[in-house]
Amino acid sequence: MNSRSCPAAFRVSLCDETCLEYTARLWLRTALVVWAGWLGLLGVLWVVF
């Protein structure tokens, strides 16, 4: 983590939580994109076949 963006007293609680939230959002976004891609692919296959 960048120590300049986080004071020493809040480094663990604030920055780790921010990193955790960022990671959670990234995983959620990835899961949604994958899910939408599978639904789109299944929809195309359903129409074609």
N, C-alpha and C. Protein backbone atom coordinates (compact mmCIF):
# COMPACT_ATOMS: atom_id res chain seq x y z
N MET A 1 0.84 -1.19 0.00
CA MET A 1 0.00 0.00 0.00
C MET A 1 0.88 1.26 0.00
N ASN A 2 0.34 2.32 -0.49
CA ASN A 2 1.05 3.58 -0.48
C ASN A 2 0.88 4.24 0.87
N SER A 3 1.97 4.41 1.61
CA SER A 3 1.87 4.94 2.97
C SER A 3 1.52 6.42 2.97
N ARG A 4 1.77 7.12 1.86
CA ARG A 4 1.44 8.54 1.81
C ARG A 4 -0.06 8.78 1.77
N SER A 5 -0.80 7.89 1.15
CA SER A 5 -2.24 8.08 1.05
C SER A 5 -2.95 7.68 2.33
N CYS A 6 -2.26 6.97 3.24
CA CYS A 6 -2.88 6.51 4.47
C CYS A 6 -2.01 6.86 5.66
N PRO A 7 -2.55 7.56 6.64
CA PRO A 7 -1.78 7.81 7.87
C PRO A 7 -1.47 6.50 8.57
N ALA A 8 -0.41 6.51 9.37
CA ALA A 8 0.05 5.27 10.01
C ALA A 8 -1.03 4.66 10.90
N ALA A 9 -1.80 5.50 11.58
CA ALA A 9 -2.80 4.99 12.51
C ALA A 9 -3.94 4.28 11.78
N PHE A 10 -4.20 4.70 10.54
CA PHE A 10 -5.33 4.14 9.79
C PHE A 10 -4.88 3.20 8.68
N ARG A 11 -3.60 2.88 8.64
CA ARG A 11 -3.08 2.11 7.52
C ARG A 11 -3.75 0.74 7.43
N VAL A 12 -3.86 0.06 8.56
CA VAL A 12 -4.42 -1.29 8.53
C VAL A 12 -5.92 -1.25 8.32
N SER A 13 -6.62 -0.47 9.14
CA SER A 13 -8.08 -0.50 9.10
C SER A 13 -8.63 0.13 7.83
N LEU A 14 -8.15 1.30 7.46
CA LEU A 14 -8.73 2.03 6.34
C LEU A 14 -8.24 1.49 5.00
N CYS A 15 -6.94 1.34 4.85
CA CYS A 15 -6.40 0.97 3.54
C CYS A 15 -6.71 -0.46 3.18
N ASP A 16 -6.63 -1.36 4.17
CA ASP A 16 -6.96 -2.75 3.86
C ASP A 16 -8.43 -2.89 3.50
N GLU A 17 -9.29 -2.13 4.18
CA GLU A 17 -10.71 -2.18 3.86
C GLU A 17 -10.96 -1.63 2.45
N THR A 18 -10.25 -0.55 2.10
CA THR A 18 -10.38 0.00 0.76
C THR A 18 -9.90 -1.00 -0.28
N CYS A 19 -8.78 -1.64 0.01
CA CYS A 19 -8.26 -2.66 -0.91
C CYS A 19 -9.24 -3.82 -1.01
N LEU A 20 -9.83 -4.19 0.12
CA LEU A 20 -10.79 -5.29 0.13
C LEU A 20 -12.03 -4.94 -0.69
N GLU A 21 -12.51 -3.71 -0.53
CA GLU A 21 -13.67 -3.27 -1.30
C GLU A 21 -13.35 -3.24 -2.79
N TYR A 22 -12.15 -2.76 -3.13
CA TYR A 22 -11.74 -2.71 -4.53
C TYR A 22 -11.67 -4.12 -5.11
N THR A 23 -11.09 -5.05 -4.35
CA THR A 23 -11.00 -6.44 -4.81
C THR A 23 -12.38 -7.05 -4.97
N ALA A 24 -13.28 -6.76 -4.03
CA ALA A 24 -14.64 -7.30 -4.11
C ALA A 24 -15.36 -6.75 -5.33
N ARG A 25 -15.21 -5.45 -5.58
CA ARG A 25 -15.85 -4.87 -6.77
C ARG A 25 -15.28 -5.46 -8.05
N LEU A 26 -13.96 -5.68 -8.06
CA LEU A 26 -13.33 -6.24 -9.25
C LEU A 26 -13.84 -7.65 -9.52
N TRP A 27 -13.94 -8.48 -8.47
CA TRP A 27 -14.45 -9.84 -8.64
C TRP A 27 -15.91 -9.83 -9.05
N LEU A 28 -16.69 -8.93 -8.46
CA LEU A 28 -18.11 -8.85 -8.80
C LEU A 28 -18.29 -8.45 -10.26
N ARG A 29 -17.51 -7.46 -10.70
CA ARG A 29 -17.59 -7.01 -12.08
C ARG A 29 -17.18 -8.14 -13.03
N THR A 30 -16.12 -8.86 -12.68
CA THR A 30 -15.67 -9.98 -13.51
C THR A 30 -16.74 -11.06 -13.59
N ALA A 31 -17.35 -11.37 -12.45
CA ALA A 31 -18.40 -12.40 -12.43
C ALA A 31 -19.59 -11.98 -13.28
N LEU A 32 -19.97 -10.71 -13.20
CA LEU A 32 -21.11 -10.23 -13.99
C LEU A 32 -20.80 -10.28 -15.49
N VAL A 33 -19.58 -9.91 -15.86
CA VAL A 33 -19.20 -9.94 -17.28
C VAL A 33 -19.20 -11.38 -17.79
N VAL A 34 -18.65 -12.31 -16.99
CA VAL A 34 -18.62 -13.72 -17.40
C VAL A 34 -20.03 -14.27 -17.51
N TRP A 35 -20.88 -13.95 -16.53
CA TRP A 35 -22.26 -14.43 -16.54
C TRP A 35 -23.02 -13.89 -17.76
N ALA A 36 -22.84 -12.59 -18.04
CA ALA A 36 -23.51 -12.00 -19.20
C ALA A 36 -22.99 -12.62 -20.49
N GLY A 37 -21.70 -12.90 -20.54
CA GLY A 37 -21.12 -13.53 -21.73
C GLY A 37 -21.70 -14.92 -21.96
N TRP A 38 -21.83 -15.71 -20.88
CA TRP A 38 -22.41 -17.05 -21.02
C TRP A 38 -23.87 -16.98 -21.44
N LEU A 39 -24.61 -16.05 -20.86
CA LEU A 39 -26.02 -15.91 -21.26
C LEU A 39 -26.14 -15.50 -22.73
N GLY A 40 -25.27 -14.59 -23.15
CA GLY A 40 -25.29 -14.18 -24.55
C GLY A 40 -24.93 -15.33 -25.48
N LEU A 41 -23.92 -16.10 -25.10
CA LEU A 41 -23.51 -17.24 -25.92
C LEU A 41 -24.61 -18.29 -25.98
N LEU A 42 -25.23 -18.58 -24.85
CA LEU A 42 -26.32 -19.55 -24.85
C LEU A 42 -27.51 -19.04 -25.66
N GLY A 43 -27.77 -17.74 -25.59
CA GLY A 43 -28.86 -17.17 -26.38
C GLY A 43 -28.60 -17.30 -27.87
N VAL A 44 -27.37 -17.04 -28.29
CA VAL A 44 -27.01 -17.18 -29.70
C VAL A 44 -27.12 -18.63 -30.14
N LEU A 45 -26.61 -19.55 -29.32
CA LEU A 45 -26.70 -20.97 -29.67
C LEU A 45 -28.14 -21.44 -29.72
N TRP A 46 -28.97 -20.91 -28.82
CA TRP A 46 -30.38 -21.29 -28.80
C TRP A 46 -31.08 -20.84 -30.09
N VAL A 47 -30.74 -19.63 -30.57
CA VAL A 47 -31.36 -19.11 -31.79
C VAL A 47 -30.84 -19.87 -33.01
N VAL A 48 -29.53 -20.12 -33.05
CA VAL A 48 -28.93 -20.77 -34.22
C VAL A 48 -29.37 -22.22 -34.33
N PHE A 49 -29.34 -22.93 -33.21
CA PHE A 49 -29.70 -24.35 -33.23
C PHE A 49 -31.11 -24.52 -32.76
